[in-house]
């Protein structure tokens, strides 16, 4: 049995609200409603979840979803230990038992048959059948199910089913406004305001290229990465080339175009 305290976030994570997302999440939590976070990668969805887990004083278990994620990976399985067959809870089961928060990150990456297991937890029943144990767990009031996905990556094969999404209260995330994003960059990297503003200009330029050669523009996360490299003494141009240009695309023409923007700014 895992100690729930091992999933508790002790120190307050640095998070600046961009709208009413904190109030909305708290209302959903106290109403026992599951939450869906929608937004581009690197805009702060995971940091927001860490902040809310700290604020609500609940343990949080995060699962990074992927193509090979099975129902057993979430619920649990029998394993052989020391010559004995023992049951080991999966992360979703641990979160339900401990009355914590289970955060399924990038939900559309998981197989659709795997996601069916969350349906009974995400509606009025708030139950979790564990077929292999013949048990039916009832989620305590303190339990919360949260999922995230990036609508920009939707396709025929990777689309959140209506039977799943209509169980959730959705909170939309986007990149912070310039004032907030500047504060985040300065706090996370220690850079001066002038350099942070140059990073913001670079972000705007790349975000304007979304759909015109780029799937996504530079996220707040990438700006922080570039800033941290600069803070360690790396020249701004190679720092931005490595943390932004090469991270955004493999297309040589697009990389060259972004590098030109970097050169003009720095």
C-alpha atoms as a PDB file:
ATOM      1  CA  UNK A   1       0.000   0.000   0.000  1.00  0.00           C
ATOM      2  CA  UNK A   2       1.379   3.399  -0.999  1.00  0.00           C
ATOM      3  CA  UNK A   3       1.432   6.191   1.556  1.00  0.00           C
ATOM      4  CA  UNK A   4      -0.858   9.009   0.278  1.00  0.00           C
ATOM      5  CA  UNK A   5       1.461  11.571   1.861  1.00  0.00           C
ATOM      6  CA  UNK A   6       4.106  10.626  -0.721  1.00  0.00           C
ATOM      7  CA  UNK A   7       1.885  12.255  -3.362  1.00  0.00           C
ATOM      8  CA  UNK A   8       1.254  15.424  -1.341  1.00  0.00           C
ATOM      9  CA  UNK A   9       2.682  18.691  -2.686  1.00  0.00           C
ATOM     10  CA  UNK A  10       4.264  20.328   0.359  1.00  0.00           C
ATOM     11  CA  UNK A  11       5.496  23.646  -1.072  1.00  0.00           C
ATOM     12  CA  UNK A  12       3.257  26.089  -2.904  1.00  0.00           C
ATOM     13  CA  UNK A  13       3.892  25.838  -6.662  1.00  0.00           C
ATOM     14  CA  UNK A  14       4.397  29.142  -8.468  1.00  0.00           C
ATOM     15  CA  UNK A  15       1.221  29.781 -10.462  1.00  0.00           C
ATOM     16  CA  UNK A  16      -0.379  33.012 -11.683  1.00  0.00           C
ATOM     17  CA  UNK A  17      -4.093  32.718 -12.543  1.00  0.00           C
ATOM     18  CA  UNK A  18      -4.930  33.941 -16.046  1.00  0.00           C
ATOM     19  CA  UNK A  19      -8.704  34.001 -15.500  1.00  0.00           C
ATOM     20  CA  UNK A  20     -11.303  32.370 -13.263  1.00  0.00           C
ATOM     21  CA  UNK A  21      -9.812  28.877 -13.525  1.00  0.00           C
ATOM     22  CA  UNK A  22      -9.047  28.588  -9.785  1.00  0.00           C
ATOM     23  CA  UNK A  23     -12.575  29.526  -8.730  1.00  0.00           C
ATOM     24  CA  UNK A  24     -14.104  27.273 -11.393  1.00  0.00           C
ATOM     25  CA  UNK A  25     -11.986  24.283 -10.363  1.00  0.00           C
ATOM     26  CA  UNK A  26     -12.814  24.771  -6.678  1.00  0.00           C
ATOM     27  CA  UNK A  27     -16.541  24.907  -7.490  1.00  0.00           C
ATOM     28  CA  UNK A  28     -16.276  21.733  -9.576  1.00  0.00           C
ATOM     29  CA  UNK A  29     -14.289  19.995  -6.826  1.00  0.00           C
ATOM     30  CA  UNK A  30     -16.781  20.812  -4.071  1.00  0.00           C
ATOM     31  CA  UNK A  31     -19.607  19.700  -6.407  1.00  0.00           C
ATOM     32  CA  UNK A  32     -17.821  16.359  -7.027  1.00  0.00           C
ATOM     33  CA  UNK A  33     -17.532  17.057 -10.761  1.00  0.00           C
ATOM     34  CA  UNK A  34     -14.610  15.842 -12.887  1.00  0.00           C
ATOM     35  CA  UNK A  35     -12.572  18.479 -14.723  1.00  0.00           C
ATOM     36  CA  UNK A  36     -11.183  18.664 -18.261  1.00  0.00           C
ATOM     37  CA  UNK A  37      -8.302  21.073 -18.961  1.00  0.00           C
ATOM     38  CA  UNK A  38      -8.078  22.160 -22.604  1.00  0.00           C
ATOM     39  CA  UNK A  39      -5.177  24.095 -24.053  1.00  0.00           C
ATOM     40  CA  UNK A  40      -1.899  24.077 -25.978  1.00  0.00           C
ATOM     41  CA  UNK A  41       1.149  22.287 -24.668  1.00  0.00           C
ATOM     42  CA  UNK A  42       3.355  24.199 -22.258  1.00  0.00           C
ATOM     43  CA  UNK A  43       0.727  26.774 -21.234  1.00  0.00           C
ATOM     44  CA  UNK A  44       0.568  25.752 -17.561  1.00  0.00           C
ATOM     45  CA  UNK A  45      -2.084  23.020 -17.256  1.00  0.00           C
ATOM     46  CA  UNK A  46       0.109  20.681 -15.202  1.00  0.00           C
ATOM     47  CA  UNK A  47       1.425  23.501 -13.025  1.00  0.00           C
ATOM     48  CA  UNK A  48      -2.184  24.568 -12.424  1.00  0.00           C
ATOM     49  CA  UNK A  49      -3.070  21.045 -11.274  1.00  0.00           C
ATOM     50  CA  UNK A  50      -0.101  21.003  -8.896  1.00  0.00           C
ATOM     51  CA  UNK A  51      -1.201  24.378  -7.525  1.00  0.00           C
ATOM     52  CA  UNK A  52      -4.778  23.204  -7.000  1.00  0.00           C
ATOM     53  CA  UNK A  53      -3.627  19.996  -5.286  1.00  0.00           C
ATOM     54  CA  UNK A  54      -1.537  22.136  -2.934  1.00  0.00           C
ATOM     55  CA  UNK A  55      -4.397  24.608  -2.366  1.00  0.00           C
ATOM     56  CA  UNK A  56      -6.936  21.844  -1.666  1.00  0.00           C
ATOM     57  CA  UNK A  57      -4.389  19.886   0.379  1.00  0.00           C
ATOM     58  CA  UNK A  58      -5.026  16.661  -1.518  1.00  0.00           C
ATOM     59  CA  UNK A  59      -2.472  14.126  -2.760  1.00  0.00           C
ATOM     60  CA  UNK A  60      -2.158  14.121  -6.553  1.00  0.00           C
ATOM     61  CA  UNK A  61      -1.186  11.204  -8.770  1.00  0.00           C
ATOM     62  CA  UNK A  62      -0.303  12.119 -12.359  1.00  0.00           C
ATOM     63  CA  UNK A  63      -0.466   9.665 -15.248  1.00  0.00           C
ATOM     64  CA  UNK A  64       1.148  10.594 -18.572  1.00  0.00           C
ATOM     65  CA  UNK A  65      -1.075   8.837 -21.095  1.00  0.00           C
ATOM     66  CA  UNK A  66       0.389   6.993 -24.081  1.00  0.00           C
ATOM     67  CA  UNK A  67      -0.587   4.547 -26.820  1.00  0.00           C
ATOM     68  CA  UNK A  68       0.321   1.466 -24.779  1.00  0.00           C
ATOM     69  CA  UNK A  69      -1.528   2.480 -21.613  1.00  0.00           C
ATOM     70  CA  UNK A  70      -3.784  -0.421 -20.626  1.00  0.00           C
ATOM     71  CA  UNK A  71      -6.689  -0.679 -18.203  1.00  0.00           C
ATOM     72  CA  UNK A  72      -4.453  -2.726 -15.900  1.00  0.00           C
ATOM     73  CA  UNK A  73      -1.888   0.091 -15.918  1.00  0.00           C
ATOM     74  CA  UNK A  74      -4.548   2.365 -14.427  1.00  0.00           C
ATOM     75  CA  UNK A  75      -6.517  -0.039 -12.227  1.00  0.00           C
ATOM     76  CA  UNK A  76      -3.890  -2.534 -11.074  1.00  0.00           C
ATOM     77  CA  UNK A  77      -2.747  -6.104 -11.630  1.00  0.00           C
ATOM     78  CA  UNK A  78      -1.575  -9.264  -9.925  1.00  0.00           C
ATOM     79  CA  UNK A  79       2.203  -9.549  -9.641  1.00  0.00           C
ATOM     80  CA  UNK A  80       4.457 -12.322  -8.367  1.00  0.00           C
ATOM     81  CA  UNK A  81       6.514 -11.196  -5.375  1.00  0.00           C
ATOM     82  CA  UNK A  82       8.678 -13.548  -3.358  1.00  0.00           C
ATOM     83  CA  UNK A  83       6.903 -16.595  -4.743  1.00  0.00           C
ATOM     84  CA  UNK A  84       3.454 -15.175  -3.906  1.00  0.00           C
ATOM     85  CA  UNK A  85       0.882 -13.617  -6.186  1.00  0.00           C
ATOM     86  CA  UNK A  86      -0.163 -10.240  -4.815  1.00  0.00           C
ATOM     87  CA  UNK A  87      -2.465  -7.512  -6.067  1.00  0.00           C
ATOM     88  CA  UNK A  88      -0.863  -4.126  -6.749  1.00  0.00           C
ATOM     89  CA  UNK A  89      -3.113  -1.069  -7.148  1.00  0.00           C
ATOM     90  CA  UNK A  90      -2.681   1.096 -10.230  1.00  0.00           C
ATOM     91  CA  UNK A  91      -2.461   4.911  -9.950  1.00  0.00           C
ATOM     92  CA  UNK A  92      -6.186   5.466 -10.528  1.00  0.00           C
ATOM     93  CA  UNK A  93      -7.120   2.969  -7.815  1.00  0.00           C
ATOM     94  CA  UNK A  94      -4.600   4.509  -5.396  1.00  0.00           C
ATOM     95  CA  UNK A  95      -6.102   7.946  -5.979  1.00  0.00           C
ATOM     96  CA  UNK A  96      -9.639   6.666  -5.368  1.00  0.00           C
ATOM     97  CA  UNK A  97      -8.678   4.793  -2.186  1.00  0.00           C
ATOM     98  CA  UNK A  98      -6.760   7.776  -0.766  1.00  0.00           C
ATOM     99  CA  UNK A  99      -9.410  10.333  -1.761  1.00  0.00           C
ATOM    100  CA  UNK A 100      -6.859  12.266  -3.768  1.00  0.00           C
ATOM    101  CA  UNK A 101      -6.665  13.793  -7.231  1.00  0.00           C
ATOM    102  CA  UNK A 102      -5.943  11.645 -10.280  1.00  0.00           C
ATOM    103  CA  UNK A 103      -4.643  13.707 -13.201  1.00  0.00           C
ATOM    104  CA  UNK A 104      -4.589  11.965 -16.586  1.00  0.00           C
ATOM    105  CA  UNK A 105      -2.340  14.114 -18.764  1.00  0.00           C
ATOM    106  CA  UNK A 106      -2.872  14.180 -22.570  1.00  0.00           C
ATOM    107  CA  UNK A 107      -5.851  11.847 -22.381  1.00  0.00           C
ATOM    108  CA  UNK A 108      -6.219  11.433 -26.163  1.00  0.00           C
ATOM    109  CA  UNK A 109      -2.864   9.652 -26.303  1.00  0.00           C
ATOM    110  CA  UNK A 110      -4.382   6.683 -24.443  1.00  0.00           C
ATOM    111  CA  UNK A 111      -6.244   3.868 -26.179  1.00  0.00           C
ATOM    112  CA  UNK A 112      -9.987   4.439 -26.385  1.00  0.00           C
ATOM    113  CA  UNK A 113     -10.797   1.073 -24.773  1.00  0.00           C
ATOM    114  CA  UNK A 114      -8.672   2.066 -21.776  1.00  0.00           C
ATOM    115  CA  UNK A 115     -10.590   5.279 -21.213  1.00  0.00           C
ATOM    116  CA  UNK A 116     -13.873   3.435 -20.685  1.00  0.00           C
ATOM    117  CA  UNK A 117     -12.672   2.597 -17.159  1.00  0.00           C
ATOM    118  CA  UNK A 118     -12.976   6.247 -16.114  1.00  0.00           C
ATOM    119  CA  UNK A 119     -16.613   6.611 -17.210  1.00  0.00           C
ATOM    120  CA  UNK A 120     -18.215   5.263 -13.992  1.00  0.00           C
ATOM    121  CA  UNK A 121     -15.937   7.574 -11.974  1.00  0.00           C
ATOM    122  CA  UNK A 122     -16.787  10.592 -14.117  1.00  0.00           C
ATOM    123  CA  UNK A 123     -20.545  10.577 -13.732  1.00  0.00           C
ATOM    124  CA  UNK A 124     -23.005  10.610 -10.842  1.00  0.00           C
ATOM    125  CA  UNK A 125     -22.096   7.056  -9.821  1.00  0.00           C
ATOM    126  CA  UNK A 126     -18.493   7.925  -8.861  1.00  0.00           C
ATOM    127  CA  UNK A 127     -17.664   4.240  -8.621  1.00  0.00           C
ATOM    128  CA  UNK A 128     -14.755   2.161  -9.848  1.00  0.00           C
ATOM    129  CA  UNK A 129     -15.280  -1.519 -10.666  1.00  0.00           C
ATOM    130  CA  UNK A 130     -12.201  -3.686 -10.118  1.00  0.00           C
ATOM    131  CA  UNK A 131     -13.229  -6.825 -11.977  1.00  0.00           C
ATOM    132  CA  UNK A 132     -10.143  -8.876 -11.095  1.00  0.00           C
ATOM    133  CA  UNK A 133     -10.836  -8.380  -7.379  1.00  0.00           C
ATOM    134  CA  UNK A 134     -14.609  -8.488  -7.656  1.00  0.00           C
ATOM    135  CA  UNK A 135     -14.732  -5.122  -5.901  1.00  0.00           C
ATOM    136  CA  UNK A 136     -16.697  -1.956  -6.493  1.00  0.00           C
ATOM    137  CA  UNK A 137     -14.909   1.062  -5.043  1.00  0.00           C
ATOM    138  CA  UNK A 138     -16.953   4.128  -4.177  1.00  0.00           C
ATOM    139  CA  UNK A 139     -14.988   7.337  -4.574  1.00  0.00           C
ATOM    140  CA  UNK A 140     -14.968   9.436  -1.380  1.00  0.00           C
ATOM    141  CA  UNK A 141     -16.055  13.085  -1.534  1.00  0.00           C
ATOM    142  CA  UNK A 142     -12.444  14.245  -1.559  1.00  0.00           C
ATOM    143  CA  UNK A 143     -11.590  12.320  -4.743  1.00  0.00           C
ATOM    144  CA  UNK A 144     -11.247  14.309  -7.966  1.00  0.00           C
ATOM    145  CA  UNK A 145     -10.674  13.114 -11.525  1.00  0.00           C
ATOM    146  CA  UNK A 146      -8.990  15.572 -13.892  1.00  0.00           C
ATOM    147  CA  UNK A 147      -7.868  15.079 -17.481  1.00  0.00           C
ATOM    148  CA  UNK A 148      -6.100  17.281 -20.011  1.00  0.00           C
ATOM    149  CA  UNK A 149      -5.716  17.417 -23.748  1.00  0.00           C
ATOM    150  CA  UNK A 150      -4.520  19.694 -26.523  1.00  0.00           C
ATOM    151  CA  UNK A 151      -7.341  20.402 -29.021  1.00  0.00           C
ATOM    152  CA  UNK A 152      -4.718  21.482 -31.563  1.00  0.00           C
ATOM    153  CA  UNK A 153      -3.572  17.884 -31.943  1.00  0.00           C
ATOM    154  CA  UNK A 154      -7.024  16.498 -32.630  1.00  0.00           C
ATOM    155  CA  UNK A 155      -7.413  14.154 -35.588  1.00  0.00           C
ATOM    156  CA  UNK A 156      -9.732  11.376 -36.644  1.00  0.00           C
ATOM    157  CA  UNK A 157      -7.619   8.910 -34.677  1.00  0.00           C
ATOM    158  CA  UNK A 158      -6.944  11.182 -31.682  1.00  0.00           C
ATOM    159  CA  UNK A 159     -10.181  12.828 -30.764  1.00  0.00           C
ATOM    160  CA  UNK A 160     -11.817  12.891 -27.346  1.00  0.00           C
ATOM    161  CA  UNK A 161     -15.059  10.937 -27.622  1.00  0.00           C
ATOM    162  CA  UNK A 162     -18.304  12.733 -26.782  1.00  0.00           C
ATOM    163  CA  UNK A 163     -19.176   9.958 -24.338  1.00  0.00           C
ATOM    164  CA  UNK A 164     -16.045  10.932 -22.410  1.00  0.00           C
ATOM    165  CA  UNK A 165     -15.896  14.698 -22.773  1.00  0.00           C
ATOM    166  CA  UNK A 166     -19.531  15.319 -21.865  1.00  0.00           C
ATOM    167  CA  UNK A 167     -18.903  13.925 -18.399  1.00  0.00           C
ATOM    168  CA  UNK A 168     -16.500  16.755 -17.539  1.00  0.00           C
ATOM    169  CA  UNK A 169     -16.526  20.430 -16.644  1.00  0.00           C
ATOM    170  CA  UNK A 170     -14.124  21.994 -19.160  1.00  0.00           C
ATOM    171  CA  UNK A 171     -11.677  24.771 -18.333  1.00  0.00           C
ATOM    172  CA  UNK A 172      -9.938  26.373 -21.310  1.00  0.00           C
ATOM    173  CA  UNK A 173      -6.303  27.424 -21.009  1.00  0.00           C
ATOM    174  CA  UNK A 174      -4.249  29.632 -23.282  1.00  0.00           C
ATOM    175  CA  UNK A 175      -0.937  31.430 -23.031  1.00  0.00           C
ATOM    176  CA  UNK A 176      -0.885  34.150 -20.342  1.00  0.00           C
ATOM    177  CA  UNK A 177      -1.077  37.796 -21.364  1.00  0.00           C
ATOM    178  CA  UNK A 178       2.236  39.604 -21.748  1.00  0.00           C
ATOM    179  CA  UNK A 179       2.283  41.044 -18.253  1.00  0.00           C
ATOM    180  CA  UNK A 180       1.733  37.662 -16.606  1.00  0.00           C
ATOM    181  CA  UNK A 181       4.035  35.804 -18.992  1.00  0.00           C
ATOM    182  CA  UNK A 182       6.783  38.362 -18.322  1.00  0.00           C
ATOM    183  CA  UNK A 183       6.387  37.811 -14.568  1.00  0.00           C
ATOM    184  CA  UNK A 184       6.571  34.041 -15.053  1.00  0.00           C
ATOM    185  CA  UNK A 185       9.731  34.219 -17.176  1.00  0.00           C
ATOM    186  CA  UNK A 186      11.467  36.569 -14.738  1.00  0.00           C
ATOM    187  CA  UNK A 187      10.468  34.476 -11.708  1.00  0.00           C
ATOM    188  CA  UNK A 188      11.482  31.152 -13.245  1.00  0.00           C
ATOM    189  CA  UNK A 189      14.756  32.316 -14.841  1.00  0.00           C
ATOM    190  CA  UNK A 190      15.974  35.443 -13.041  1.00  0.00           C
ATOM    191  CA  UNK A 191      16.318  37.339 -16.337  1.00  0.00           C
ATOM    192  CA  UNK A 192      15.913  41.110 -16.560  1.00  0.00           C
ATOM    193  CA  UNK A 193      12.753  42.667 -17.975  1.00  0.00           C
ATOM    194  CA  UNK A 194      14.334  43.730 -21.288  1.00  0.00           C
ATOM    195  CA  UNK A 195      15.499  40.195 -22.098  1.00  0.00           C
ATOM    196  CA  UNK A 196      12.167  38.723 -21.028  1.00  0.00           C
ATOM    197  CA  UNK A 197      10.409  41.137 -23.399  1.00  0.00           C
ATOM    198  CA  UNK A 198      12.600  39.944 -26.279  1.00  0.00           C
ATOM    199  CA  UNK A 199      11.561  36.374 -25.535  1.00  0.00           C
ATOM    200  CA  UNK A 200       7.926  37.482 -25.561  1.00  0.00           C
ATOM    201  CA  UNK A 201       8.396  39.092 -28.998  1.00  0.00           C
ATOM    202  CA  UNK A 202       9.930  35.848 -30.263  1.00  0.00           C
ATOM    203  CA  UNK A 203       6.968  33.922 -28.853  1.00  0.00           C
ATOM    204  CA  UNK A 204       4.480  36.215 -30.589  1.00  0.00           C
ATOM    205  CA  UNK A 205       6.260  35.764 -33.917  1.00  0.00           C
ATOM    206  CA  UNK A 206       6.241  31.973 -33.674  1.00  0.00           C
ATOM    207  CA  UNK A 207       2.629  31.874 -32.452  1.00  0.00           C
ATOM    208  CA  UNK A 208       1.624  33.862 -35.532  1.00  0.00           C
ATOM    209  CA  UNK A 209       3.116  31.040 -37.620  1.00  0.00           C
ATOM    210  CA  UNK A 210       0.744  28.435 -36.179  1.00  0.00           C
ATOM    211  CA  UNK A 211      -1.004  26.812 -39.117  1.00  0.00           C
ATOM    212  CA  UNK A 212       1.520  28.381 -41.493  1.00  0.00           C
ATOM    213  CA  UNK A 213       4.354  25.937 -41.078  1.00  0.00           C
ATOM    214  CA  UNK A 214       4.188  25.326 -37.335  1.00  0.00           C
ATOM    215  CA  UNK A 215       1.800  23.079 -35.422  1.00  0.00           C
ATOM    216  CA  UNK A 216       2.275  25.203 -32.310  1.00  0.00           C
ATOM    217  CA  UNK A 217       4.046  28.435 -31.444  1.00  0.00           C
ATOM    218  CA  UNK A 218       6.591  28.765 -28.661  1.00  0.00           C
ATOM    219  CA  UNK A 219       4.971  27.911 -25.348  1.00  0.00           C
ATOM    220  CA  UNK A 220       5.642  29.606 -22.033  1.00  0.00           C
ATOM    221  CA  UNK A 221       7.590  26.470 -21.103  1.00  0.00           C
ATOM    222  CA  UNK A 222       9.970  26.904 -24.060  1.00  0.00           C
ATOM    223  CA  UNK A 223      10.544  30.563 -23.180  1.00  0.00           C
ATOM    224  CA  UNK A 224      11.459  29.526 -19.645  1.00  0.00           C
ATOM    225  CA  UNK A 225      13.833  26.875 -21.028  1.00  0.00           C
ATOM    226  CA  UNK A 226      15.573  29.470 -23.205  1.00  0.00           C
ATOM    227  CA  UNK A 227      15.730  31.886 -20.280  1.00  0.00           C
ATOM    228  CA  UNK A 228      17.281  29.286 -17.983  1.00  0.00           C
ATOM    229  CA  UNK A 229      19.994  28.590 -20.562  1.00  0.00           C
ATOM    230  CA  UNK A 230      20.737  32.320 -20.808  1.00  0.00           C
ATOM    231  CA  UNK A 231      20.847  32.591 -17.028  1.00  0.00           C
ATOM    232  CA  UNK A 232      23.577  29.910 -17.084  1.00  0.00           C
ATOM    233  CA  UNK A 233      25.670  32.027 -19.417  1.00  0.00           C
ATOM    234  CA  UNK A 234      24.637  30.610 -22.790  1.00  0.00           C
ATOM    235  CA  UNK A 235      24.525  33.274 -25.519  1.00  0.00           C
ATOM    236  CA  UNK A 236      20.907  34.256 -26.347  1.00  0.00           C
ATOM    237  CA  UNK A 237      21.064  33.080 -29.967  1.00  0.00           C
ATOM    238  CA  UNK A 238      22.118  29.457 -29.391  1.00  0.00           C
ATOM    239  CA  UNK A 239      19.923  29.365 -26.284  1.00  0.00           C
ATOM    240  CA  UNK A 240      16.853  30.330 -28.316  1.00  0.00           C
ATOM    241  CA  UNK A 241      17.847  28.142 -31.255  1.00  0.00           C
ATOM    242  CA  UNK A 242      18.106  25.072 -29.040  1.00  0.00           C
ATOM    243  CA  UNK A 243      15.191  25.769 -26.698  1.00  0.00           C
ATOM    244  CA  UNK A 244      12.776  27.261 -29.244  1.00  0.00           C
ATOM    245  CA  UNK A 245      13.597  26.792 -32.944  1.00  0.00           C
ATOM    246  CA  UNK A 246      14.797  23.178 -32.857  1.00  0.00           C
ATOM    247  CA  UNK A 247      12.201  22.246 -30.233  1.00  0.00           C
ATOM    248  CA  UNK A 248       9.327  23.525 -32.385  1.00  0.00           C
ATOM    249  CA  UNK A 249      10.076  21.879 -35.728  1.00  0.00           C
ATOM    250  CA  UNK A 250      12.327  19.632 -37.796  1.00  0.00           C
ATOM    251  CA  UNK A 251      11.626  21.516 -41.029  1.00  0.00           C
ATOM    252  CA  UNK A 252      14.928  23.100 -42.139  1.00  0.00           C
ATOM    253  CA  UNK A 253      13.284  26.084 -43.850  1.00  0.00           C
ATOM    254  CA  UNK A 254      11.139  26.845 -40.813  1.00  0.00           C
ATOM    255  CA  UNK A 255      14.131  26.477 -38.475  1.00  0.00           C
ATOM    256  CA  UNK A 256      16.058  28.939 -40.660  1.00  0.00           C
ATOM    257  CA  UNK A 257      13.137  31.384 -40.560  1.00  0.00           C
ATOM    258  CA  UNK A 258      12.882  31.195 -36.758  1.00  0.00           C
ATOM    259  CA  UNK A 259      16.653  31.584 -36.457  1.00  0.00           C
ATOM    260  CA  UNK A 260      16.388  34.783 -38.522  1.00  0.00           C
ATOM    261  CA  UNK A 261      13.802  36.088 -36.060  1.00  0.00           C
ATOM    262  CA  UNK A 262      16.134  35.182 -33.179  1.00  0.00           C
ATOM    263  CA  UNK A 263      19.008  36.971 -34.887  1.00  0.00           C
ATOM    264  CA  UNK A 264      16.915  40.098 -35.396  1.00  0.00           C
ATOM    265  CA  UNK A 265      15.887  40.185 -31.734  1.00  0.00           C
ATOM    266  CA  UNK A 266      19.207  39.263 -30.136  1.00  0.00           C
END
